[in-house]
Full PDB file with SEQRES, HELIX, SHEET, SSBOND, CRYST1, ORIGX, SCALE, CONECT and MASTER records, all heavy atoms in Angstrom:
SEQRES   1 A   30  PHE PHE PHE GLU THR ARG LEU GLU THR GLU TYR LYS SER          
SEQRES   2 A   30  ILE ARG ASP THR LYS VAL LYS VAL PRO ASN ILE LEU GLU          
SEQRES   3 A   30  ARG PHE LEU ASP                                              
HELIX    1 AA1 TYR A   11  SER A   13  5                                   3    
HELIX    2 AA2 ILE A   24  PHE A   28  1                                   5    
CRYST1    1.000    1.000    1.000  90.00  90.00  90.00 P 1           1          
ORIGX1      1.000000  0.000000  0.000000        0.00000                         
ORIGX2      0.000000  1.000000  0.000000        0.00000                         
ORIGX3      0.000000  0.000000  1.000000        0.00000                         
SCALE1      1.000000  0.000000  0.000000        0.00000                         
SCALE2      0.000000  1.000000  0.000000        0.00000                         
SCALE3      0.000000  0.000000  1.000000        0.00000                         
ATOM      1  N   PHE A   1     139.133  60.283  77.462  1.00  0.00           N  
ATOM      2  CA  PHE A   1     140.341  59.825  78.132  1.00  0.00           C  
ATOM      3  C   PHE A   1     140.250  59.911  79.653  1.00  0.00           C  
ATOM      4  O   PHE A   1     141.242  59.672  80.349  1.00  0.00           O  
ATOM      5  CB  PHE A   1     141.550  60.658  77.671  1.00  0.00           C  
ATOM      6  CG  PHE A   1     141.397  62.137  77.876  1.00  0.00           C  
ATOM      7  CD1 PHE A   1     141.695  62.732  79.074  1.00  0.00           C  
ATOM      8  CD2 PHE A   1     140.949  62.931  76.831  1.00  0.00           C  
ATOM      9  CE1 PHE A   1     141.535  64.098  79.256  1.00  0.00           C  
ATOM     10  CE2 PHE A   1     140.796  64.295  77.004  1.00  0.00           C  
ATOM     11  CZ  PHE A   1     141.090  64.884  78.212  1.00  0.00           C  
ATOM     12  N   PHE A   2     139.113  60.254  80.220  1.00  0.00           N  
ATOM     13  CA  PHE A   2     139.028  60.433  81.662  1.00  0.00           C  
ATOM     14  C   PHE A   2     139.222  59.112  82.400  1.00  0.00           C  
ATOM     15  O   PHE A   2     139.952  59.044  83.369  1.00  0.00           O  
ATOM     16  CB  PHE A   2     137.706  61.092  82.046  1.00  0.00           C  
ATOM     17  CG  PHE A   2     137.678  62.555  81.700  1.00  0.00           C  
ATOM     18  CD1 PHE A   2     136.979  63.011  80.604  1.00  0.00           C  
ATOM     19  CD2 PHE A   2     138.378  63.466  82.465  1.00  0.00           C  
ATOM     20  CE1 PHE A   2     136.956  64.352  80.274  1.00  0.00           C  
ATOM     21  CE2 PHE A   2     138.360  64.813  82.143  1.00  0.00           C  
ATOM     22  CZ  PHE A   2     137.647  65.267  81.040  1.00  0.00           C  
ATOM     23  N   PHE A   3     138.549  58.059  81.985  1.00  0.00           N  
ATOM     24  CA  PHE A   3     138.803  56.745  82.586  1.00  0.00           C  
ATOM     25  C   PHE A   3     138.294  55.664  81.646  1.00  0.00           C  
ATOM     26  O   PHE A   3     137.479  55.895  80.780  1.00  0.00           O  
ATOM     27  CB  PHE A   3     138.173  56.627  83.984  1.00  0.00           C  
ATOM     28  CG  PHE A   3     136.677  56.790  84.013  1.00  0.00           C  
ATOM     29  CD1 PHE A   3     135.841  55.685  83.926  1.00  0.00           C  
ATOM     30  CD2 PHE A   3     136.103  58.051  84.149  1.00  0.00           C  
ATOM     31  CE1 PHE A   3     134.470  55.836  83.967  1.00  0.00           C  
ATOM     32  CE2 PHE A   3     134.735  58.200  84.196  1.00  0.00           C  
ATOM     33  CZ  PHE A   3     133.917  57.094  84.100  1.00  0.00           C  
ATOM     34  N   GLU A   4     138.840  54.465  81.862  1.00  0.00           N  
ATOM     35  CA  GLU A   4     138.539  53.326  81.002  1.00  0.00           C  
ATOM     36  C   GLU A   4     138.189  52.124  81.854  1.00  0.00           C  
ATOM     37  O   GLU A   4     138.858  51.850  82.862  1.00  0.00           O  
ATOM     38  CB  GLU A   4     139.741  53.010  80.110  1.00  0.00           C  
ATOM     39  CG  GLU A   4     139.623  51.710  79.321  1.00  0.00           C  
ATOM     40  CD  GLU A   4     140.891  51.381  78.561  1.00  0.00           C  
ATOM     41  OE1 GLU A   4     141.445  52.282  77.916  1.00  0.00           O  
ATOM     42  OE2 GLU A   4     141.343  50.231  78.625  1.00  0.00           O  
ATOM     43  N   THR A   5     137.137  51.430  81.506  1.00  0.00           N  
ATOM     44  CA  THR A   5     136.791  50.178  82.163  1.00  0.00           C  
ATOM     45  C   THR A   5     136.971  49.053  81.155  1.00  0.00           C  
ATOM     46  O   THR A   5     136.749  49.237  79.952  1.00  0.00           O  
ATOM     47  CB  THR A   5     135.357  50.191  82.696  1.00  0.00           C  
ATOM     48  OG1 THR A   5     134.451  50.438  81.616  1.00  0.00           O  
ATOM     49  CG2 THR A   5     135.173  51.276  83.752  1.00  0.00           C  
ATOM     50  N   ARG A   6     137.342  47.880  81.673  1.00  0.00           N  
ATOM     51  CA  ARG A   6     137.618  46.771  80.767  1.00  0.00           C  
ATOM     52  C   ARG A   6     137.214  45.455  81.415  1.00  0.00           C  
ATOM     53  O   ARG A   6     137.531  45.212  82.583  1.00  0.00           O  
ATOM     54  CB  ARG A   6     139.112  46.753  80.404  1.00  0.00           C  
ATOM     55  CG  ARG A   6     139.547  45.591  79.571  1.00  0.00           C  
ATOM     56  CD  ARG A   6     140.888  45.886  78.906  1.00  0.00           C  
ATOM     57  NE  ARG A   6     141.880  46.328  79.842  1.00  0.00           N  
ATOM     58  CZ  ARG A   6     142.790  45.541  80.424  1.00  0.00           C  
ATOM     59  NH1 ARG A   6     142.796  44.250  80.139  1.00  0.00           N  
ATOM     60  NH2 ARG A   6     143.674  46.023  81.256  1.00  0.00           N  
ATOM     61  N   LEU A   7     136.511  44.633  80.668  1.00  0.00           N  
ATOM     62  CA  LEU A   7     136.182  43.264  81.066  1.00  0.00           C  
ATOM     63  C   LEU A   7     136.684  42.328  79.980  1.00  0.00           C  
ATOM     64  O   LEU A   7     136.673  42.687  78.797  1.00  0.00           O  
ATOM     65  CB  LEU A   7     134.671  43.079  81.251  1.00  0.00           C  
ATOM     66  CG  LEU A   7     133.995  43.805  82.416  1.00  0.00           C  
ATOM     67  CD1 LEU A   7     132.489  43.598  82.344  1.00  0.00           C  
ATOM     68  CD2 LEU A   7     134.527  43.301  83.750  1.00  0.00           C  
ATOM     69  N   GLU A   8     137.104  41.141  80.375  1.00  0.00           N  
ATOM     70  CA  GLU A   8     137.567  40.188  79.379  1.00  0.00           C  
ATOM     71  C   GLU A   8     137.360  38.764  79.885  1.00  0.00           C  
ATOM     72  O   GLU A   8     137.312  38.513  81.097  1.00  0.00           O  
ATOM     73  CB  GLU A   8     139.042  40.416  79.048  1.00  0.00           C  
ATOM     74  CG  GLU A   8     139.981  40.290  80.226  1.00  0.00           C  
ATOM     75  CD  GLU A   8     141.414  40.599  79.832  1.00  0.00           C  
ATOM     76  OE1 GLU A   8     141.718  41.770  79.568  1.00  0.00           O  
ATOM     77  OE2 GLU A   8     142.216  39.639  79.794  1.00  0.00           O  
ATOM     78  N   THR A   9     137.217  37.856  78.947  1.00  0.00           N  
ATOM     79  CA  THR A   9     137.103  36.441  79.281  1.00  0.00           C  
ATOM     80  C   THR A   9     137.593  35.640  78.085  1.00  0.00           C  
ATOM     81  O   THR A   9     137.410  36.020  76.928  1.00  0.00           O  
ATOM     82  CB  THR A   9     135.644  36.068  79.632  1.00  0.00           C  
ATOM     83  OG1 THR A   9     135.618  34.723  80.112  1.00  0.00           O  
ATOM     84  CG2 THR A   9     134.737  36.176  78.424  1.00  0.00           C  
ATOM     85  N   GLU A  10     138.220  34.506  78.377  1.00  0.00           N  
ATOM     86  CA  GLU A  10     138.682  33.625  77.322  1.00  0.00           C  
ATOM     87  C   GLU A  10     137.525  32.765  76.818  1.00  0.00           C  
ATOM     88  O   GLU A  10     136.582  32.475  77.553  1.00  0.00           O  
ATOM     89  CB  GLU A  10     139.829  32.738  77.828  1.00  0.00           C  
ATOM     90  CG  GLU A  10     141.080  33.524  78.177  1.00  0.00           C  
ATOM     91  CD  GLU A  10     142.237  32.601  78.499  1.00  0.00           C  
ATOM     92  OE1 GLU A  10     142.062  31.366  78.452  1.00  0.00           O  
ATOM     93  OE2 GLU A  10     143.322  33.129  78.807  1.00  0.00           O  
ATOM     94  N   TYR A  11     137.620  32.355  75.578  1.00  0.00           N  
ATOM     95  CA  TYR A  11     136.545  31.555  74.990  1.00  0.00           C  
ATOM     96  C   TYR A  11     136.336  30.240  75.741  1.00  0.00           C  
ATOM     97  O   TYR A  11     135.214  29.762  75.867  1.00  0.00           O  
ATOM     98  CB  TYR A  11     136.849  31.271  73.515  1.00  0.00           C  
ATOM     99  CG  TYR A  11     136.894  32.503  72.653  1.00  0.00           C  
ATOM    100  CD1 TYR A  11     138.002  32.807  71.870  1.00  0.00           C  
ATOM    101  CD2 TYR A  11     135.820  33.387  72.617  1.00  0.00           C  
ATOM    102  CE1 TYR A  11     138.046  33.937  71.093  1.00  0.00           C  
ATOM    103  CE2 TYR A  11     135.856  34.529  71.833  1.00  0.00           C  
ATOM    104  CZ  TYR A  11     136.971  34.801  71.075  1.00  0.00           C  
ATOM    105  OH  TYR A  11     137.019  35.931  70.317  1.00  0.00           O  
ATOM    106  N   LYS A  12     137.422  29.678  76.264  1.00  0.00           N  
ATOM    107  CA  LYS A  12     137.304  28.394  76.965  1.00  0.00           C  
ATOM    108  C   LYS A  12     136.510  28.543  78.267  1.00  0.00           C  
ATOM    109  O   LYS A  12     136.049  27.542  78.822  1.00  0.00           O  
ATOM    110  CB  LYS A  12     138.682  27.825  77.260  1.00  0.00           C  
ATOM    111  CG  LYS A  12     139.527  28.657  78.218  1.00  0.00           C  
ATOM    112  CD  LYS A  12     140.883  28.037  78.422  1.00  0.00           C  
ATOM    113  CE  LYS A  12     141.721  28.860  79.406  1.00  0.00           C  
ATOM    114  NZ  LYS A  12     143.065  28.272  79.609  1.00  0.00           N  
ATOM    115  N   SER A  13     136.374  29.794  78.778  1.00  0.00           N  
ATOM    116  CA  SER A  13     135.643  30.012  80.022  1.00  0.00           C  
ATOM    117  C   SER A  13     134.160  30.290  79.807  1.00  0.00           C  
ATOM    118  O   SER A  13     133.418  30.453  80.778  1.00  0.00           O  
ATOM    119  CB  SER A  13     136.269  31.190  80.792  1.00  0.00           C  
ATOM    120  OG  SER A  13     137.622  30.930  81.090  1.00  0.00           O  
ATOM    121  N   ILE A  14     133.744  30.377  78.559  1.00  0.00           N  
ATOM    122  CA  ILE A  14     132.343  30.703  78.275  1.00  0.00           C  
ATOM    123  C   ILE A  14     131.466  29.483  78.565  1.00  0.00           C  
ATOM    124  O   ILE A  14     131.708  28.394  78.051  1.00  0.00           O  
ATOM    125  CB  ILE A  14     132.171  31.161  76.818  1.00  0.00           C  
ATOM    126  CG1 ILE A  14     132.926  32.478  76.596  1.00  0.00           C  
ATOM    127  CG2 ILE A  14     130.699  31.349  76.480  1.00  0.00           C  
ATOM    128  CD1 ILE A  14     132.908  32.949  75.163  1.00  0.00           C  
ATOM    129  N   ARG A  15     130.432  29.688  79.389  1.00  0.00           N  
ATOM    130  CA  ARG A  15     129.513  28.601  79.729  1.00  0.00           C  
ATOM    131  C   ARG A  15     128.288  28.605  78.823  1.00  0.00           C  
ATOM    132  O   ARG A  15     127.788  27.556  78.419  1.00  0.00           O  
ATOM    133  CB  ARG A  15     129.078  28.741  81.185  1.00  0.00           C  
ATOM    134  CG  ARG A  15     128.149  27.635  81.673  1.00  0.00           C  
ATOM    135  CD  ARG A  15     127.770  27.862  83.113  1.00  0.00           C  
ATOM    136  NE  ARG A  15     127.046  29.117  83.269  1.00  0.00           N  
ATOM    137  CZ  ARG A  15     126.736  29.657  84.439  1.00  0.00           C  
ATOM    138  NH1 ARG A  15     127.118  29.070  85.551  1.00  0.00           N  
ATOM    139  NH2 ARG A  15     126.085  30.801  84.503  1.00  0.00           N  
ATOM    140  N   ASP A  16     127.790  29.811  78.492  1.00  0.00           N  
ATOM    141  CA  ASP A  16     126.573  29.889  77.688  1.00  0.00           C  
ATOM    142  C   ASP A  16     126.469  31.286  77.096  1.00  0.00           C  
ATOM    143  O   ASP A  16     127.098  32.234  77.573  1.00  0.00           O  
ATOM    144  CB  ASP A  16     125.343  29.612  78.569  1.00  0.00           C  
ATOM    145  CG  ASP A  16     124.102  29.344  77.725  1.00  0.00           C  
ATOM    146  OD1 ASP A  16     124.243  29.178  76.502  1.00  0.00           O  
ATOM    147  OD2 ASP A  16     122.992  29.331  78.293  1.00  0.00           O  
ATOM    148  N   THR A  17     125.703  31.404  76.030  1.00  0.00           N  
ATOM    149  CA  THR A  17     125.424  32.709  75.428  1.00  0.00           C  
ATOM    150  C   THR A  17     123.916  32.830  75.219  1.00  0.00           C  
ATOM    151  O   THR A  17     123.251  31.853  74.875  1.00  0.00           O  
ATOM    152  CB  THR A  17     126.137  32.892  74.076  1.00  0.00           C  
ATOM    153  OG1 THR A  17     125.744  31.836  73.195  1.00  0.00           O  
ATOM    154  CG2 THR A  17     127.645  32.876  74.245  1.00  0.00           C  
ATOM    155  N   LYS A  18     123.405  34.020  75.463  1.00  0.00           N  
ATOM    156  CA  LYS A  18     121.981  34.284  75.281  1.00  0.00           C  
ATOM    157  C   LYS A  18     121.805  35.608  74.561  1.00  0.00           C  
ATOM    158  O   LYS A  18     122.581  36.536  74.735  1.00  0.00           O  
ATOM    159  CB  LYS A  18     121.266  34.327  76.634  1.00  0.00           C  
ATOM    160  CG  LYS A  18     121.283  33.016  77.397  1.00  0.00           C  
ATOM    161  CD  LYS A  18     120.562  33.139  78.735  1.00  0.00           C  
ATOM    162  CE  LYS A  18     120.589  31.825  79.507  1.00  0.00           C  
ATOM    163  NZ  LYS A  18     119.924  31.949  80.836  1.00  0.00           N  
ATOM    164  N   VAL A  19     120.741  35.699  73.790  1.00  0.00           N  
ATOM    165  CA  VAL A  19     120.412  36.931  73.074  1.00  0.00           C  
ATOM    166  C   VAL A  19     119.067  37.442  73.579  1.00  0.00           C  
ATOM    167  O   VAL A  19     118.103  36.671  73.679  1.00  0.00           O  
ATOM    168  CB  VAL A  19     120.349  36.684  71.548  1.00  0.00           C  
ATOM    169  CG1 VAL A  19     119.834  37.940  70.838  1.00  0.00           C  
ATOM    170  CG2 VAL A  19     121.711  36.309  71.012  1.00  0.00           C  
ATOM    171  N   LYS A  20     119.026  38.725  73.902  1.00  0.00           N  
ATOM    172  CA  LYS A  20     117.775  39.359  74.315  1.00  0.00           C  
ATOM    173  C   LYS A  20     117.549  40.608  73.476  1.00  0.00           C  
ATOM    174  O   LYS A  20     118.462  41.406  73.296  1.00  0.00           O  
ATOM    175  CB  LYS A  20     117.813  39.729  75.805  1.00  0.00           C  
ATOM    176  CG  LYS A  20     117.822  38.527  76.726  1.00  0.00           C  
ATOM    177  CD  LYS A  20     117.747  38.943  78.184  1.00  0.00           C  
ATOM    178  CE  LYS A  20     117.755  37.725  79.111  1.00  0.00           C  
ATOM    179  NZ  LYS A  20     117.684  38.126  80.545  1.00  0.00           N  
ATOM    180  N   VAL A  21     116.327  40.760  72.970  1.00  0.00           N  
ATOM    181  CA  VAL A  21     115.946  41.928  72.183  1.00  0.00           C  
ATOM    182  C   VAL A  21     114.914  42.704  72.999  1.00  0.00           C  
ATOM    183  O   VAL A  21     113.839  42.166  73.288  1.00  0.00           O  
ATOM    184  CB  VAL A  21     115.371  41.524  70.818  1.00  0.00           C  
ATOM    185  CG1 VAL A  21     114.989  42.758  70.026  1.00  0.00           C  
ATOM    186  CG2 VAL A  21     116.374  40.676  70.056  1.00  0.00           C  
ATOM    187  N   PRO A  22     115.224  43.960  73.395  1.00  0.00           N  
ATOM    188  CA  PRO A  22     114.349  44.675  74.336  1.00  0.00           C  
ATOM    189  C   PRO A  22     112.955  44.997  73.816  1.00  0.00           C  
ATOM    190  O   PRO A  22     111.990  44.966  74.582  1.00  0.00           O  
ATOM    191  CB  PRO A  22     115.131  45.965  74.637  1.00  0.00           C  
ATOM    192  CG  PRO A  22     116.529  45.669  74.239  1.00  0.00           C  
ATOM    193  CD  PRO A  22     116.449  44.699  73.106  1.00  0.00           C  
ATOM    194  N   ASN A  23     112.823  45.354  72.549  1.00  0.00           N  
ATOM    195  CA  ASN A  23     111.514  45.801  72.077  1.00  0.00           C  
ATOM    196  C   ASN A  23     111.317  45.429  70.614  1.00  0.00           C  
ATOM    197  O   ASN A  23     112.227  44.919  69.946  1.00  0.00           O  
ATOM    198  CB  ASN A  23     111.358  47.317  72.276  1.00  0.00           C  
ATOM    199  CG  ASN A  23     112.526  48.095  71.673  1.00  0.00           C  
ATOM    200  OD1 ASN A  23     112.785  48.012  70.477  1.00  0.00           O  
ATOM    201  ND2 ASN A  23     113.233  48.859  72.502  1.00  0.00           N  
ATOM    202  N   ILE A  24     110.124  45.718  70.123  1.00  0.00           N  
ATOM    203  CA  ILE A  24     109.750  45.339  68.752  1.00  0.00           C  
ATOM    204  C   ILE A  24     110.575  46.107  67.724  1.00  0.00           C  
ATOM    205  O   ILE A  24     110.984  45.562  66.697  1.00  0.00           O  
ATOM    206  CB  ILE A  24     108.251  45.580  68.524  1.00  0.00           C  
ATOM    207  CG1 ILE A  24     107.426  44.674  69.449  1.00  0.00           C  
ATOM    208  CG2 ILE A  24     107.867  45.331  67.072  1.00  0.00           C  
ATOM    209  CD1 ILE A  24     105.936  44.892  69.359  1.00  0.00           C  
ATOM    210  N   LEU A  25     110.839  47.400  67.993  1.00  0.00           N  
ATOM    211  CA  LEU A  25     111.615  48.205  67.040  1.00  0.00           C  
ATOM    212  C   LEU A  25     113.008  47.634  66.861  1.00  0.00           C  
ATOM    213  O   LEU A  25     113.496  47.508  65.730  1.00  0.00           O  
ATOM    214  CB  LEU A  25     111.694  49.655  67.531  1.00  0.00           C  
ATOM    215  CG  LEU A  25     112.561  50.599  66.694  1.00  0.00           C  
ATOM    216  CD1 LEU A  25     112.024  50.677  65.269  1.00  0.00           C  
ATOM    217  CD2 LEU A  25     112.646  51.982  67.316  1.00  0.00           C  
ATOM    218  N   GLU A  26     113.661  47.278  67.963  1.00  0.00           N  
ATOM    219  CA  GLU A  26     115.007  46.732  67.849  1.00  0.00           C  
ATOM    220  C   GLU A  26     114.990  45.337  67.222  1.00  0.00           C  
ATOM    221  O   GLU A  26     115.951  44.936  66.567  1.00  0.00           O  
ATOM    222  CB  GLU A  26     115.674  46.710  69.224  1.00  0.00           C  
ATOM    223  CG  GLU A  26     115.925  48.120  69.777  1.00  0.00           C  
ATOM    224  CD  GLU A  26     116.839  48.141  70.982  1.00  0.00           C  
ATOM    225  OE1 GLU A  26     117.364  47.072  71.361  1.00  0.00           O  
ATOM    226  OE2 GLU A  26     117.010  49.226  71.573  1.00  0.00           O  
ATOM    227  N   ARG A  27     113.908  44.604  67.413  1.00  0.00           N  
ATOM    228  CA  ARG A  27     113.789  43.317  66.713  1.00  0.00           C  
ATOM    229  C   ARG A  27     113.665  43.536  65.210  1.00  0.00           C  
ATOM    230  O   ARG A  27     114.259  42.798  64.409  1.00  0.00           O  
ATOM    231  CB  ARG A  27     112.586  42.540  67.243  1.00  0.00           C  
ATOM    232  CG  ARG A  27     112.420  41.168  66.600  1.00  0.00           C  
ATOM    233  CD  ARG A  27     111.292  40.391  67.244  1.00  0.00           C  
ATOM    234  NE  ARG A  27     111.608  40.047  68.620  1.00  0.00           N  
ATOM    235  CZ  ARG A  27     112.347  38.998  68.981  1.00  0.00           C  
ATOM    236  NH1 ARG A  27     112.880  38.220  68.045  1.00  0.00           N  
ATOM    237  NH2 ARG A  27     112.572  38.741  70.241  1.00  0.00           N  
ATOM    238  N   PHE A  28     112.917  44.559  64.822  1.00  0.00           N  
ATOM    239  CA  PHE A  28     112.766  44.881  63.403  1.00  0.00           C  
ATOM    240  C   PHE A  28     114.112  45.325  62.810  1.00  0.00           C  
ATOM    241  O   PHE A  28     114.436  44.994  61.675  1.00  0.00           O  
ATOM    242  CB  PHE A  28     111.729  45.982  63.234  1.00  0.00           C  
ATOM    243  CG  PHE A  28     111.576  46.470  61.833  1.00  0.00           C  
ATOM    244  CD1 PHE A  28     110.914  45.705  60.872  1.00  0.00           C  
ATOM    245  CD2 PHE A  28     112.103  47.695  61.452  1.00  0.00           C  
ATOM    246  CE1 PHE A  28     110.782  46.156  59.575  1.00  0.00           C  
ATOM    247  CE2 PHE A  28     111.986  48.150  60.144  1.00  0.00           C  
ATOM    248  CZ  PHE A  28     111.320  47.381  59.223  1.00  0.00           C  
ATOM    249  N   LEU A  29     114.909  46.079  63.601  1.00  0.00           N  
ATOM    250  CA  LEU A  29     116.214  46.558  63.146  1.00  0.00           C  
ATOM    251  C   LEU A  29     117.316  45.529  63.337  1.00  0.00           C  
ATOM    252  O   LEU A  29     118.466  45.789  62.953  1.00  0.00           O  
ATOM    253  CB  LEU A  29     116.576  47.849  63.892  1.00  0.00           C  
ATOM    254  CG  LEU A  29     115.667  49.052  63.663  1.00  0.00           C  
ATOM    255  CD1 LEU A  29     116.063  50.196  64.572  1.00  0.00           C  
ATOM    256  CD2 LEU A  29     115.696  49.490  62.201  1.00  0.00           C  
ATOM    257  N   ASP A  30     116.995  44.380  63.922  1.00  0.00           N  
ATOM    258  CA  ASP A  30     117.961  43.320  64.205  1.00  0.00           C  
ATOM    259  C   ASP A  30     119.072  43.816  65.124  1.00  0.00           C  
ATOM    260  O   ASP A  30     120.259  43.702  64.833  1.00  0.00           O  
ATOM    261  CB  ASP A  30     118.562  42.772  62.905  1.00  0.00           C  
ATOM    262  CG  ASP A  30     119.226  41.421  63.119  1.00  0.00           C  
ATOM    263  OD1 ASP A  30     119.044  40.825  64.192  1.00  0.00           O  
ATOM    264  OD2 ASP A  30     119.952  40.972  62.209  1.00  0.00           O  
TER     265      ASP A  30                                                      
MASTER        0    0    0    2    0    0    0    6  264    1    0    3          
END                                                                             
């Protein structure tokens, strides 16, 4: 409860989406 940060955006404002997987282990774990 010390502090809260918040970001938001509407779907109509989305220009693009990208997926990045940092390493092989996380790719294996999806």
